[in-house]
């Protein structure tokens, strides 16, 4: 089964990358520093990115769980 943490970390990395692109492709505001804007935009982008990452994890886990098989092991008889 897939682990949750890679999906969450990947979502944060995608959100940070999107924030860097947005902050550095728009003109700078004299009232805010680029670092403050980058932090705020990362926070804004992280919320939907984490929700999408968790949804992808749940979907993948459901698909993989449906394809998995389980077996039962019975103890061997002692002689």
Protein backbone atom coordinates (compact mmCIF):
# COMPACT_ATOMS: atom_id res chain seq x y z
CA UNK A 1 0.00 0.00 0.00
CA UNK A 2 1.27 3.49 -0.76
CA UNK A 3 2.53 5.68 2.05
CA UNK A 4 0.83 9.02 2.71
CA UNK A 5 3.92 11.13 3.40
CA UNK A 6 5.34 11.15 -0.18
CA UNK A 7 2.01 12.47 -1.45
CA UNK A 8 1.94 15.26 1.15
CA UNK A 9 5.58 16.22 0.56
CA UNK A 10 5.03 16.18 -3.19
CA UNK A 11 2.00 18.45 -2.80
CA UNK A 12 4.01 20.93 -0.72
CA UNK A 13 6.83 20.93 -3.29
CA UNK A 14 4.35 21.57 -6.11
CA UNK A 15 2.72 24.37 -4.09
CA UNK A 16 6.09 25.99 -3.35
CA UNK A 17 7.10 25.77 -7.00
CA UNK A 18 3.83 27.38 -8.07
CA UNK A 19 4.32 30.12 -5.47
CA UNK A 20 7.84 30.86 -6.74
CA UNK A 21 6.55 31.11 -10.30
CA UNK A 22 3.69 33.42 -9.31
CA UNK A 23 5.75 35.68 -7.04
CA UNK A 24 8.67 36.13 -9.40
CA UNK A 25 6.59 36.50 -12.58
CA UNK A 26 4.52 39.40 -11.22
CA UNK A 27 5.76 42.90 -10.43
CA UNK A 28 6.96 43.48 -6.88
CA UNK A 29 4.72 45.34 -4.47
CA UNK A 30 6.56 48.06 -2.50
CA UNK A 31 4.56 47.22 0.65
CA UNK A 32 5.64 43.56 0.81
CA UNK A 33 8.97 41.83 0.42
CA UNK A 34 9.35 38.95 -2.02
CA UNK A 35 9.96 36.57 0.91
CA UNK A 36 6.70 37.60 2.60
CA UNK A 37 4.81 37.20 -0.66
CA UNK A 38 6.45 33.83 -1.25
CA UNK A 39 5.47 32.59 2.22
CA UNK A 40 1.89 33.76 1.86
CA UNK A 41 1.45 32.31 -1.62
CA UNK A 42 2.98 29.01 -0.50
CA UNK A 43 0.44 28.83 2.31
CA UNK A 44 -2.41 29.66 -0.05
CA UNK A 45 -1.30 27.05 -2.60
CA UNK A 46 -0.56 24.38 0.03
CA UNK A 47 -4.14 24.03 1.20
CA UNK A 48 -5.63 22.84 -2.11
CA UNK A 49 -2.43 20.97 -3.06
CA UNK A 50 -2.50 18.89 0.14
CA UNK A 51 -6.20 18.19 -0.39
CA UNK A 52 -5.49 16.97 -3.94
CA UNK A 53 -2.50 14.91 -2.74
CA UNK A 54 -4.58 13.23 -0.04
CA UNK A 55 -7.35 12.54 -2.55
CA UNK A 56 -4.83 10.97 -4.94
CA UNK A 57 -3.47 8.83 -2.10
CA UNK A 58 -6.95 7.66 -1.09
CA UNK A 59 -7.86 6.84 -4.68
CA UNK A 60 -4.64 4.93 -5.31
CA UNK A 61 -4.99 3.02 -2.05
CA UNK A 62 -8.57 2.02 -2.89
CA UNK A 63 -7.53 0.82 -6.36
CA UNK A 64 -4.56 -1.14 -5.03
CA UNK A 65 -6.54 -2.58 -2.13
CA UNK A 66 -9.17 -3.85 -4.54
CA UNK A 67 -6.53 -5.68 -6.59
CA UNK A 68 -4.76 -7.23 -3.62
CA UNK A 69 -5.44 -10.73 -2.45
CA UNK A 70 -5.26 -12.06 1.05
CA UNK A 71 -4.51 -15.53 2.21
CA UNK A 72 -4.77 -17.41 5.45
CA UNK A 73 -2.01 -19.53 6.87
CA UNK A 74 -3.02 -22.48 8.97
CA UNK A 75 -0.55 -23.99 11.38
CA UNK A 76 0.91 -27.32 10.41
CA UNK A 77 -0.16 -30.39 12.33
CA UNK A 78 2.39 -31.66 14.81
CA UNK A 79 3.27 -35.35 14.73
